[in-house]
């Protein structure tokens, strides 16, 4: 492993009260040197790609359309395949998602799912304790030395035998997020490089010894050029740490509208390290609003809960994803079942489970090779749907879906929906926006709200729709026009309801006023804010 004489990344702004236990086990001099090497080599290109995002958005504001790239037509027509999946990623019929806190680490690994998406991104608020603690929990899990005792119930948790555990696929933060607590050469390190670098450095060889490898989910990708940068990171990291080329495997979330037009190119750039693509619903809708927010009435999305995966433009997106993956030998992974089982109401619980079954049945019959759930109780539900189609086969990549013929316009045919914005939808966006943001500011990234497990993508689509509806002058089903004053009124009513529900003491000790102020600042602003988590991060303690 190469040594370096260049300055190591430095810790900044860490309150001693928030210093995680065993931090030095993660931030070894060798690991910090690796982070510094990643930063110096790849952050300048990251910065260029973020600037290209802004240029592309300006172009979309002028043209209000997207198309497949003419300059990469040769990639789409070429004969190539991604590298064969390693044994640990051959069967991905059920994947569970969640943050990397100690209890979730144990429950996810024990859940019976084939894969656990260990999330440092949307399901994890990036407090320093979460960043370091998540890395420690994964190391401890691989060393079979992790346990947890619930302070309230007294119940203890431990790991099952290694052969029964889910395969870990880590999701680092997106390219746009920095880690303010680590700086080098006067710059904050990109959060994605911190999450990737620490995990890879400490675990790549350990995972190989266990018969697996360092596997990743790549979030918020907007172009094949961004995928190319990740591939360069993988190549460098493997060489730096003496790990065989091609050991890394990456699944890319197609959760931006621009990436939907570059699925084949993204797989091509990562082809020696690619294992699949995933359909991420809420971030995808958030991206549509963000990119076409001022493109006129035909791009105004209705209530988020009315935009199901059977909407024509969503069907185009998912069917193109399956066809693309199977054409290139990659896994196609379906979207999230965010429902949280309600054991106190059997009738409501069964109705919700039936919706999950229908959703997973559709995905399996459409050709997906697996899908996501947010709760261990949903693992057998999703597994039954895929077992019925797959049987003993690990996947269905032999289904090439040559019947699918998606045109560029199909992916942005938002006005093909019959649904329209409603007053109930506006209120729900405010409710969820406040409740999620408050929990995030307290360090929680996966939050149960109205029987759904929500993450940062939920807040992003909620606040984005408020901004879009205001600026489009949307008229709701009750005849009212969405204005800043109306949103302020609804938000004030919801904050008062939360205060009454929580009680004065709990309300005062929470971050409710901060969340309320932040949501309104962003939703009512003249200029659209690219990511809610950027200003929220400045308010995050720890």
Protein backbone atom coordinates (compact mmCIF):
# COMPACT_ATOMS: atom_id res chain seq x y z
CA UNK A 1 0.00 0.00 0.00
CA UNK A 2 1.60 3.29 -1.02
CA UNK A 3 2.74 5.68 1.67
CA UNK A 4 2.21 9.40 1.43
CA UNK A 5 4.01 12.40 2.84
CA UNK A 6 1.23 14.79 1.95
CA UNK A 7 -0.86 16.27 4.76
CA UNK A 8 -3.61 14.00 6.06
CA UNK A 9 -7.25 15.12 6.17
CA UNK A 10 -7.97 16.98 9.38
CA UNK A 11 -10.95 16.77 11.71
CA UNK A 12 -12.81 20.06 12.07
CA UNK A 13 -15.72 21.26 14.14
CA UNK A 14 -16.08 18.16 16.29
CA UNK A 15 -17.62 18.93 19.66
CA UNK A 16 -15.95 16.64 22.23
CA UNK A 17 -19.45 15.75 23.41
CA UNK A 18 -20.20 14.33 19.95
CA UNK A 19 -16.91 12.49 19.48
CA UNK A 20 -17.88 8.87 18.71
CA UNK A 21 -16.38 6.07 20.76
CA UNK A 22 -13.70 4.07 18.93
CA UNK A 23 -13.35 6.81 16.31
CA UNK A 24 -9.61 6.14 16.05
CA UNK A 25 -10.34 2.61 14.83
CA UNK A 26 -11.88 4.15 11.70
CA UNK A 27 -9.71 7.24 11.24
CA UNK A 28 -6.34 5.52 11.24
CA UNK A 29 -3.46 7.41 9.61
CA UNK A 30 -3.50 4.90 6.75
CA UNK A 31 -7.24 5.32 6.16
CA UNK A 32 -6.92 9.11 6.26
CA UNK A 33 -4.05 8.95 3.76
CA UNK A 34 -6.31 6.96 1.44
CA UNK A 35 -9.10 9.55 1.79
CA UNK A 36 -6.61 12.29 1.03
CA UNK A 37 -5.46 10.46 -2.11
CA UNK A 38 -9.05 10.01 -3.27
CA UNK A 39 -9.83 13.66 -2.63
CA UNK A 40 -6.82 15.08 -4.44
CA UNK A 41 -7.28 12.84 -7.43
CA UNK A 42 -11.06 12.96 -7.91
CA UNK A 43 -12.62 16.02 -6.24
CA UNK A 44 -11.57 18.42 -9.04
CA UNK A 45 -13.41 16.27 -11.59
CA UNK A 46 -16.37 16.01 -9.19
CA UNK A 47 -16.52 19.80 -9.14
CA UNK A 48 -16.51 19.95 -12.95
CA UNK A 49 -19.37 17.45 -13.14
CA UNK A 50 -21.46 19.44 -10.66
CA UNK A 51 -20.96 22.48 -12.90
CA UNK A 52 -22.10 20.40 -15.88
CA UNK A 53 -25.29 19.57 -13.97
CA UNK A 54 -26.06 23.26 -13.71
CA UNK A 55 -25.39 23.79 -17.42
CA UNK A 56 -27.69 20.93 -18.34
CA UNK A 57 -30.45 22.28 -16.12
CA UNK A 58 -30.13 25.66 -17.85
CA UNK A 59 -30.54 23.90 -21.19
CA UNK A 60 -33.65 22.10 -19.95
CA UNK A 61 -35.11 25.41 -18.83
CA UNK A 62 -34.74 26.64 -22.41
CA UNK A 63 -35.92 23.52 -24.26
CA UNK A 64 -38.29 21.72 -21.84
CA UNK A 65 -37.34 18.38 -23.39
CA UNK A 66 -34.87 15.52 -23.19
CA UNK A 67 -33.66 12.95 -25.69
CA UNK A 68 -31.26 10.04 -25.88
CA UNK A 69 -27.73 11.28 -26.54
CA UNK A 70 -26.74 11.22 -30.23
CA UNK A 71 -23.03 11.18 -29.37
CA UNK A 72 -23.38 7.83 -27.55
CA UNK A 73 -25.53 6.05 -30.12
CA UNK A 74 -22.62 3.67 -30.76
CA UNK A 75 -22.71 2.51 -27.14
CA UNK A 76 -26.44 1.78 -27.36
CA UNK A 77 -26.07 -0.18 -30.60
CA UNK A 78 -22.84 -1.98 -29.65
CA UNK A 79 -22.41 -5.59 -28.57
CA UNK A 80 -21.16 -5.62 -25.00
CA UNK A 81 -22.09 -7.03 -21.58
CA UNK A 82 -21.31 -6.08 -18.01
CA UNK A 83 -19.04 -8.40 -16.02
CA UNK A 84 -20.74 -11.54 -14.66
CA UNK A 85 -22.22 -11.07 -11.20
CA UNK A 86 -20.26 -12.55 -8.30
CA UNK A 87 -21.91 -15.43 -6.50
CA UNK A 88 -23.01 -13.23 -3.59
CA UNK A 89 -25.01 -11.01 -5.97
CA UNK A 90 -26.48 -13.65 -8.26
CA UNK A 91 -29.78 -13.88 -6.34
CA UNK A 92 -31.16 -10.51 -5.27
CA UNK A 93 -34.86 -11.28 -5.15
CA UNK A 94 -35.45 -9.34 -1.93
CA UNK A 95 -33.37 -6.43 -0.67
CA UNK A 96 -34.00 -4.60 2.60
CA UNK A 97 -32.91 -0.99 3.04
CA UNK A 98 -32.04 1.03 6.10
CA UNK A 99 -29.48 3.10 8.00
CA UNK A 100 -26.34 1.66 9.57
CA UNK A 101 -27.20 2.14 13.24
CA UNK A 102 -26.43 -0.87 15.44
CA UNK A 103 -29.96 -2.25 15.80
CA UNK A 104 -30.74 -1.91 12.10
CA UNK A 105 -27.45 -3.51 11.16
CA UNK A 106 -28.37 -6.65 13.12
CA UNK A 107 -32.03 -6.74 12.06
CA UNK A 108 -31.27 -6.16 8.38
CA UNK A 109 -28.55 -8.80 8.25
CA UNK A 110 -30.89 -11.26 10.02
CA UNK A 111 -33.99 -10.32 8.02
CA UNK A 112 -33.95 -13.15 5.49
CA UNK A 113 -33.44 -10.71 2.63
CA UNK A 114 -30.71 -11.63 0.14
CA UNK A 115 -29.23 -8.10 0.24
CA UNK A 116 -29.11 -5.26 2.75
CA UNK A 117 -28.66 -1.76 1.36
CA UNK A 118 -26.59 -0.28 4.19
CA UNK A 119 -27.41 3.37 3.78
CA UNK A 120 -25.15 6.33 4.49
CA UNK A 121 -27.29 8.46 2.17
CA UNK A 122 -31.04 9.24 2.25
CA UNK A 123 -31.89 6.97 5.20
CA UNK A 124 -29.13 8.41 7.37
CA UNK A 125 -28.75 11.97 8.62
CA UNK A 126 -25.00 12.71 8.29
CA UNK A 127 -24.14 13.50 11.89
CA UNK A 128 -20.52 12.66 12.63
CA UNK A 129 -21.71 9.98 15.04
CA UNK A 130 -23.75 8.34 12.28
CA UNK A 131 -20.88 8.54 9.78
CA UNK A 132 -18.32 6.92 12.08
CA UNK A 133 -20.73 4.68 13.97
CA UNK A 134 -22.03 3.18 10.74
CA UNK A 135 -18.52 2.25 9.65
CA UNK A 136 -17.82 0.63 13.02
CA UNK A 137 -21.07 -1.33 12.96
CA UNK A 138 -20.22 -2.83 9.57
CA UNK A 139 -16.72 -3.78 10.68
CA UNK A 140 -18.11 -5.34 13.86
CA UNK A 141 -20.71 -7.27 11.85
CA UNK A 142 -18.07 -8.78 9.58
CA UNK A 143 -16.05 -9.73 12.64
CA UNK A 144 -19.17 -11.33 14.23
CA UNK A 145 -18.78 -9.19 17.35
CA UNK A 146 -21.88 -7.02 17.13
CA UNK A 147 -24.80 -7.10 19.55
CA UNK A 148 -27.45 -4.69 20.79
CA UNK A 149 -29.74 -4.39 23.82
CA UNK A 150 -32.84 -2.22 23.60
CA UNK A 151 -32.89 0.15 26.60
CA UNK A 152 -36.70 0.27 26.65
CA UNK A 153 -37.63 -3.39 26.21
CA UNK A 154 -34.44 -4.98 27.48
CA UNK A 155 -34.46 -7.24 24.42
CA UNK A 156 -31.04 -8.32 23.14
CA UNK A 157 -30.10 -8.79 19.50
CA UNK A 158 -27.26 -10.73 17.92
CA UNK A 159 -26.29 -12.09 14.51
CA UNK A 160 -27.29 -15.38 12.99
CA UNK A 161 -24.61 -17.65 11.49
CA UNK A 162 -22.68 -15.95 8.69
CA UNK A 163 -24.17 -18.11 5.93
CA UNK A 164 -27.68 -16.89 6.84
CA UNK A 165 -26.88 -13.18 6.69
CA UNK A 166 -27.81 -10.75 3.92
CA UNK A 167 -25.08 -9.56 1.56
CA UNK A 168 -24.20 -5.93 2.28
CA UNK A 169 -24.36 -3.30 -0.47
CA UNK A 170 -23.31 0.12 0.86
CA UNK A 171 -24.86 3.36 -0.41
CA UNK A 172 -22.47 6.32 0.05
CA UNK A 173 -23.65 9.90 -0.12
CA UNK A 174 -24.21 11.54 -3.51
CA UNK A 175 -21.63 13.62 -5.36
CA UNK A 176 -23.19 16.93 -4.30
CA UNK A 177 -22.77 16.43 -0.54
CA UNK A 178 -19.59 17.36 1.34
CA UNK A 179 -18.37 16.09 4.71
CA UNK A 180 -17.67 19.25 6.68
CA UNK A 181 -15.83 17.43 9.47
CA UNK A 182 -12.95 16.29 7.23
CA UNK A 183 -10.88 18.81 5.29
CA UNK A 184 -7.66 18.59 3.33
CA UNK A 185 -5.79 21.36 1.55
CA UNK A 186 -8.47 23.74 2.85
CA UNK A 187 -11.38 21.85 1.25
CA UNK A 188 -14.10 19.65 2.68
CA UNK A 189 -13.98 16.13 1.32
CA UNK A 190 -16.95 14.89 -0.73
CA UNK A 191 -19.16 12.81 1.54
CA UNK A 192 -19.41 10.05 -1.04
CA UNK A 193 -15.64 9.61 -1.14
CA UNK A 194 -15.51 9.55 2.68
CA UNK A 195 -18.21 6.86 2.94
CA UNK A 196 -16.80 4.81 0.08
CA UNK A 197 -13.19 5.27 1.11
CA UNK A 198 -13.52 4.30 4.77
CA UNK A 199 -15.68 1.28 3.96
CA UNK A 200 -13.46 0.07 1.14
CA UNK A 201 -10.20 0.63 2.99
CA UNK A 202 -11.26 -1.26 6.10
CA UNK A 203 -13.36 -4.01 4.56
CA UNK A 204 -12.36 -4.88 0.98
CA UNK A 205 -9.88 -7.59 1.95
CA UNK A 206 -12.01 -8.70 4.90
CA UNK A 207 -14.95 -9.23 2.54
CA UNK A 208 -12.84 -11.16 0.06
CA UNK A 209 -11.76 -13.44 2.89
CA UNK A 210 -15.46 -14.03 3.62
CA UNK A 211 -16.15 -14.98 0.00
CA UNK A 212 -17.84 -11.70 -0.87
CA UNK A 213 -16.61 -8.26 -1.89
CA UNK A 214 -17.06 -4.50 -1.57
CA UNK A 215 -20.43 -3.80 -3.21
CA UNK A 216 -22.04 -0.38 -3.62
CA UNK A 217 -25.24 1.41 -4.59
CA UNK A 218 -24.51 4.69 -6.38
CA UNK A 219 -27.12 7.41 -5.69
CA UNK A 220 -28.23 10.60 -7.44
CA UNK A 221 -26.26 9.86 -10.62
CA UNK A 222 -27.24 12.29 -13.37
CA UNK A 223 -25.08 11.22 -16.31
CA UNK A 224 -22.77 8.55 -17.67
CA UNK A 225 -19.88 10.94 -17.04
CA UNK A 226 -20.60 10.73 -13.32
CA UNK A 227 -20.66 6.93 -13.59
CA UNK A 228 -17.30 7.14 -15.39
CA UNK A 229 -15.87 9.05 -12.43
CA UNK A 230 -17.05 6.37 -10.01
CA UNK A 231 -15.44 3.72 -12.22
CA UNK A 232 -12.15 5.64 -12.07
CA UNK A 233 -12.48 5.75 -8.28
CA UNK A 234 -12.96 1.98 -8.18
CA UNK A 235 -9.96 1.30 -10.41
CA UNK A 236 -7.72 3.57 -8.30
CA UNK A 237 -8.96 2.16 -4.98
CA UNK A 238 -8.39 -1.44 -6.02
CA UNK A 239 -4.85 -0.69 -7.20
CA UNK A 240 -4.05 1.41 -4.09
CA UNK A 241 -5.17 -1.33 -1.70
CA UNK A 242 -3.88 -4.28 -3.70
CA UNK A 243 -7.34 -5.65 -4.42
CA UNK A 244 -7.92 -7.51 -7.72
CA UNK A 245 -9.35 -5.45 -10.56
CA UNK A 246 -13.10 -5.98 -10.92
CA UNK A 247 -13.67 -6.86 -7.26
CA UNK A 248 -15.93 -3.85 -6.71
CA UNK A 249 -19.50 -4.17 -7.92
CA UNK A 250 -21.85 -1.19 -8.24
CA UNK A 251 -25.60 -0.96 -8.71
CA UNK A 252 -26.71 2.45 -9.95
CA UNK A 253 -29.95 4.01 -8.82
CA UNK A 254 -31.74 5.42 -11.84
CA UNK A 255 -33.44 8.07 -9.74
CA UNK A 256 -32.89 11.15 -11.88
CA UNK A 257 -34.72 11.92 -15.10
CA UNK A 258 -31.48 12.65 -16.98
CA UNK A 259 -30.00 9.28 -15.99
CA UNK A 260 -33.10 7.56 -17.41
CA UNK A 261 -31.92 8.66 -20.86
CA UNK A 262 -28.41 7.26 -20.26
CA UNK A 263 -29.01 3.83 -18.70
CA UNK A 264 -26.97 1.92 -21.26
CA UNK A 265 -24.16 4.46 -21.17
CA UNK A 266 -24.04 4.28 -17.36
CA UNK A 267 -23.73 0.50 -17.45
CA UNK A 268 -21.11 0.76 -20.18
CA UNK A 269 -18.91 3.13 -18.17
CA UNK A 270 -19.05 0.76 -15.19
CA UNK A 271 -19.15 -2.46 -17.20
CA UNK A 272 -16.25 -4.17 -15.42
CA UNK A 273 -17.71 -3.16 -12.05
CA UNK A 274 -21.47 -3.00 -12.77
CA UNK A 275 -24.04 -5.34 -11.27
CA UNK A 276 -27.34 -3.65 -12.06
CA UNK A 277 -29.71 -0.71 -12.05
CA UNK A 278 -32.47 0.17 -9.58
CA UNK A 279 -35.73 2.09 -10.03
CA UNK A 280 -35.96 4.70 -7.23
CA UNK A 281 -39.45 6.25 -7.20
CA UNK A 282 -39.43 9.32 -4.96
CA UNK A 283 -36.07 10.69 -6.03
CA UNK A 284 -37.08 10.13 -9.65
CA UNK A 285 -40.21 12.24 -9.20
CA UNK A 286 -38.19 14.82 -7.29
CA UNK A 287 -35.78 15.00 -10.23
CA UNK A 288 -38.63 15.49 -12.71
CA UNK A 289 -39.99 18.39 -10.68
CA UNK A 290 -36.53 19.88 -10.19
CA UNK A 291 -35.60 19.76 -13.85
CA UNK A 292 -38.97 20.74 -15.35
CA UNK A 293 -40.20 22.96 -12.52
CA UNK A 294 -40.75 25.95 -14.81
CA UNK A 295 -41.66 24.10 -18.01
CA UNK A 296 -45.38 24.79 -17.91
CA UNK A 297 -48.63 23.10 -16.81
CA UNK A 298 -47.93 19.82 -18.63
CA UNK A 299 -45.07 19.12 -16.20
CA UNK A 300 -46.98 19.81 -12.98
CA UNK A 301 -47.11 16.61 -10.94
CA UNK A 302 -50.26 15.76 -8.96
CA UNK A 303 -50.22 14.52 -5.34
CA UNK A 304 -47.16 12.32 -4.89
CA UNK A 305 -49.22 9.38 -3.62
CA UNK A 306 -51.32 9.42 -6.79
CA UNK A 307 -48.25 8.92 -9.01
CA UNK A 308 -48.04 5.15 -8.86
CA UNK A 309 -45.67 2.89 -10.76
CA UNK A 310 -48.52 2.12 -13.19
CA UNK A 311 -48.60 5.73 -14.45
CA UNK A 312 -47.69 5.66 -18.17
CA UNK A 313 -44.45 7.64 -17.82
CA UNK A 314 -43.41 5.53 -14.82
CA UNK A 315 -44.17 2.33 -16.72
CA UNK A 316 -42.00 3.58 -19.56
CA UNK A 317 -39.16 4.21 -17.12
CA UNK A 318 -39.32 0.82 -15.38
CA UNK A 319 -39.81 -1.22 -18.55
CA UNK A 320 -36.89 0.53 -20.23
CA UNK A 321 -34.79 -0.20 -17.15
CA UNK A 322 -35.58 -3.93 -17.26
CA UNK A 323 -34.93 -4.16 -20.98
CA UNK A 324 -31.65 -2.25 -20.68
CA UNK A 325 -30.35 -4.34 -17.79
CA UNK A 326 -31.19 -7.69 -19.34
CA UNK A 327 -29.83 -6.70 -22.73
CA UNK A 328 -26.49 -6.03 -21.02
CA UNK A 329 -26.48 -8.91 -18.53
CA UNK A 330 -27.18 -6.78 -15.45
CA UNK A 331 -29.73 -7.18 -12.65
CA UNK A 332 -32.85 -5.01 -12.70
CA UNK A 333 -33.95 -4.17 -9.14
CA UNK A 334 -37.41 -2.78 -8.44
CA UNK A 335 -38.59 -0.02 -6.14
CA UNK A 336 -39.36 0.40 -2.48
CA UNK A 337 -42.23 -1.02 -0.45
CA UNK A 338 -42.15 1.58 2.32
CA UNK A 339 -45.14 0.28 4.26
CA UNK A 340 -44.65 -0.36 7.99
CA UNK A 341 -46.84 -3.24 9.23
CA UNK A 342 -49.48 -2.24 11.76
CA UNK A 343 -50.02 -5.17 14.12
CA UNK A 344 -52.66 -3.26 16.11
CA UNK A 345 -55.07 -3.06 13.15
CA UNK A 346 -55.21 -6.43 11.35
CA UNK A 347 -57.71 -5.28 8.72
CA UNK A 348 -55.73 -2.17 7.72
CA UNK A 349 -52.55 -4.23 7.87
CA UNK A 350 -53.89 -6.83 5.44
CA UNK A 351 -55.10 -4.13 3.02
CA UNK A 352 -51.62 -2.60 2.99
CA UNK A 353 -49.95 -6.00 2.58
CA UNK A 354 -52.20 -6.68 -0.39
CA UNK A 355 -50.98 -3.47 -2.03
CA UNK A 356 -47.39 -4.58 -1.45
CA UNK A 357 -48.15 -8.01 -2.91
CA UNK A 358 -49.72 -6.47 -6.00
CA UNK A 359 -46.74 -4.14 -6.46
CA UNK A 360 -44.16 -6.93 -6.11
CA UNK A 361 -46.20 -9.29 -8.31
CA UNK A 362 -46.18 -6.64 -11.03
CA UNK A 363 -42.43 -6.13 -10.76
CA UNK A 364 -41.70 -9.85 -10.88
CA UNK A 365 -43.94 -10.37 -13.91
CA UNK A 366 -42.42 -7.32 -15.64
CA UNK A 367 -39.00 -8.94 -15.48
CA UNK A 368 -37.35 -7.40 -12.43
CA UNK A 369 -34.86 -9.68 -10.70
CA UNK A 370 -35.57 -8.37 -7.21
CA UNK A 371 -37.05 -5.51 -5.25
CA UNK A 372 -36.77 -3.39 -2.10
CA UNK A 373 -38.61 -3.46 1.21
CA UNK A 374 -38.19 -1.22 4.25
CA UNK A 375 -39.30 -3.60 7.02
CA UNK A 376 -38.36 -7.20 7.88
CA UNK A 377 -42.05 -8.22 7.97
CA UNK A 378 -42.27 -7.43 4.25
CA UNK A 379 -39.39 -9.72 3.29
CA UNK A 380 -41.58 -12.87 3.03
CA UNK A 381 -44.25 -10.93 1.12
CA UNK A 382 -41.82 -9.75 -1.54
CA UNK A 383 -40.04 -13.10 -1.60
CA UNK A 384 -43.29 -14.93 -2.34
CA UNK A 385 -43.93 -12.70 -5.36
CA UNK A 386 -40.49 -13.35 -6.82
CA UNK A 387 -40.43 -17.03 -5.85
CA UNK A 388 -43.62 -17.51 -7.86
CA UNK A 389 -41.89 -16.22 -11.00
CA UNK A 390 -38.26 -17.22 -10.45
CA UNK A 391 -38.67 -20.58 -8.76
CA UNK A 392 -35.17 -21.94 -8.21
CA UNK A 393 -33.58 -19.58 -10.74
CA UNK A 394 -31.48 -16.78 -9.20
CA UNK A 395 -32.79 -14.15 -11.62
CA UNK A 396 -34.60 -13.77 -14.95
CA UNK A 397 -32.00 -11.95 -17.03
CA UNK A 398 -32.89 -14.26 -19.92
CA UNK A 399 -36.11 -12.24 -20.32
CA UNK A 400 -34.84 -9.63 -22.75
CA UNK A 401 -38.13 -7.70 -22.99
CA UNK A 402 -37.67 -7.07 -26.70
CA UNK A 403 -41.36 -6.15 -26.76
CA UNK A 404 -40.51 -2.87 -25.00
CA UNK A 405 -40.08 0.16 -27.24
CA UNK A 406 -39.81 3.33 -25.19
CA UNK A 407 -39.53 6.65 -27.02
CA UNK A 408 -37.82 9.68 -25.55
CA UNK A 409 -41.12 11.51 -25.15
CA UNK A 410 -42.68 8.64 -23.20
CA UNK A 411 -40.39 9.24 -20.22
CA UNK A 412 -41.61 12.81 -19.71
CA UNK A 413 -45.27 12.40 -20.67
CA UNK A 414 -46.34 13.75 -17.28
CA UNK A 415 -49.64 15.04 -18.63
CA UNK A 416 -50.73 11.48 -19.43
CA UNK A 417 -51.93 11.24 -15.82
CA UNK A 418 -55.58 11.87 -15.02
CA UNK A 419 -54.85 12.83 -11.40
CA UNK A 420 -54.62 16.48 -10.37
CA UNK A 421 -53.25 18.30 -7.29
CA UNK A 422 -55.59 18.31 -4.30
CA UNK A 423 -55.90 20.20 -1.04
CA UNK A 424 -55.31 16.93 0.82
CA UNK A 425 -52.13 16.42 -1.19
CA UNK A 426 -50.89 19.89 -0.32
CA UNK A 427 -51.54 19.30 3.37
CA UNK A 428 -49.79 15.93 3.23
CA UNK A 429 -46.73 17.53 1.60
CA UNK A 430 -46.56 20.07 4.43
CA UNK A 431 -47.14 17.44 7.13
CA UNK A 432 -44.50 15.07 5.82
CA UNK A 433 -42.06 17.87 5.04
CA UNK A 434 -42.16 19.24 8.60
CA UNK A 435 -42.17 15.86 10.34
CA UNK A 436 -39.34 14.38 8.32
CA UNK A 437 -37.13 17.48 8.46
CA UNK A 438 -37.55 17.69 12.24
CA UNK A 439 -36.39 14.10 12.67
CA UNK A 440 -33.48 14.63 10.24
CA UNK A 441 -32.27 17.62 12.24
CA UNK A 442 -32.20 15.34 15.29
CA UNK A 443 -30.00 12.87 13.44
CA UNK A 444 -32.62 10.42 12.14
CA UNK A 445 -32.74 9.66 8.42
CA UNK A 446 -35.28 6.81 8.29
CA UNK A 447 -38.51 8.03 9.85
CA UNK A 448 -41.91 6.35 10.31
CA UNK A 449 -44.60 8.82 9.19
CA UNK A 450 -48.24 7.80 8.70
CA UNK A 451 -47.34 4.08 8.52
CA UNK A 452 -44.66 4.60 5.87
CA UNK A 453 -40.89 4.49 6.30
CA UNK A 454 -39.72 7.74 4.79
CA UNK A 455 -36.26 9.01 3.92
CA UNK A 456 -34.81 12.26 2.56
CA UNK A 457 -36.29 11.66 -0.90
CA UNK A 458 -39.76 12.02 0.65
CA UNK A 459 -38.99 15.47 1.98
CA UNK A 460 -37.39 16.46 -1.33
CA UNK A 461 -40.46 15.60 -3.41
CA UNK A 462 -42.80 17.16 -0.82
CA UNK A 463 -41.06 20.56 -0.66
CA UNK A 464 -40.43 20.53 -4.45
CA UNK A 465 -44.11 20.04 -5.17
CA UNK A 466 -45.01 22.91 -2.87
CA UNK A 467 -42.58 25.16 -4.78
CA UNK A 468 -43.84 23.99 -8.17
CA UNK A 469 -47.53 24.36 -7.29
CA UNK A 470 -46.96 27.87 -5.95
CA UNK A 471 -45.01 29.01 -8.99
CA UNK A 472 -47.41 27.36 -11.43
CA UNK A 473 -50.44 28.90 -9.73
CA UNK A 474 -52.06 25.47 -9.40
CA UNK A 475 -55.79 25.38 -8.68
CA UNK A 476 -56.69 22.57 -6.29
CA UNK A 477 -59.75 20.34 -6.26
CA UNK A 478 -61.51 22.62 -3.75
CA UNK A 479 -61.09 25.63 -6.03
CA UNK A 480 -58.32 27.29 -4.04
CA UNK A 481 -55.16 28.54 -5.75
CA UNK A 482 -51.83 27.49 -4.27
CA UNK A 483 -50.08 30.64 -3.06
CA UNK A 484 -47.39 31.37 -0.53
CA UNK A 485 -50.03 32.59 1.88
CA UNK A 486 -52.00 29.33 1.55
CA UNK A 487 -48.90 27.23 2.22
CA UNK A 488 -48.04 29.42 5.23
CA UNK A 489 -51.57 28.96 6.56
CA UNK A 490 -51.52 25.17 6.18
CA UNK A 491 -48.02 24.95 7.68
CA UNK A 492 -49.07 27.06 10.67
CA UNK A 493 -52.09 24.82 11.25
CA UNK A 494 -49.95 21.69 11.05
CA UNK A 495 -47.32 23.05 13.42
CA UNK A 496 -50.06 23.89 15.94
CA UNK A 497 -51.48 20.37 15.57
CA UNK A 498 -48.04 18.85 16.16
CA UNK A 499 -47.56 21.02 19.27
CA UNK A 500 -50.88 19.83 20.66
CA UNK A 501 -50.17 16.20 19.78
CA UNK A 502 -46.64 16.18 21.23
CA UNK A 503 -47.24 18.34 24.30
CA UNK A 504 -45.34 21.47 25.21
CA UNK A 505 -42.31 19.76 26.75
CA UNK A 506 -41.71 17.34 23.86
CA UNK A 507 -42.36 20.09 21.34
CA UNK A 508 -39.84 22.39 23.00
CA UNK A 509 -37.12 19.74 23.08
CA UNK A 510 -37.60 18.81 19.42
CA UNK A 511 -36.48 20.68 16.32
CA UNK A 512 -40.00 21.53 15.21
CA UNK A 513 -39.60 25.28 14.82
CA UNK A 514 -36.35 24.84 12.89
CA UNK A 515 -37.98 22.29 10.58
CA UNK A 516 -41.01 24.53 10.02
CA UNK A 517 -38.83 27.55 9.26
CA UNK A 518 -36.55 25.62 6.92
CA UNK A 519 -39.41 24.04 4.98
CA UNK A 520 -41.10 27.40 4.44
CA UNK A 521 -37.81 29.16 3.59
CA UNK A 522 -37.19 26.65 0.80
CA UNK A 523 -40.74 26.04 -0.44
CA UNK A 524 -41.59 29.77 -0.58
CA UNK A 525 -38.27 31.01 -1.97
CA UNK A 526 -38.18 32.83 -5.29
CA UNK A 527 -35.29 30.64 -6.46
CA UNK A 528 -35.49 26.87 -6.28
CA UNK A 529 -33.06 25.19 -3.86
CA UNK A 530 -31.28 22.24 -5.51
CA UNK A 531 -31.25 19.98 -2.44
CA UNK A 532 -33.04 20.40 0.89
CA UNK A 533 -30.24 18.53 2.63
CA UNK A 534 -27.66 21.21 1.79
CA UNK A 535 -29.14 24.01 3.94
CA UNK A 536 -30.39 21.43 6.45
CA UNK A 537 -26.82 20.17 6.90
CA UNK A 538 -25.79 23.62 8.12
CA UNK A 539 -28.33 23.29 10.93
CA UNK A 540 -27.46 19.71 11.81
CA UNK A 541 -25.72 19.32 15.17
CA UNK A 542 -22.95 16.78 15.65
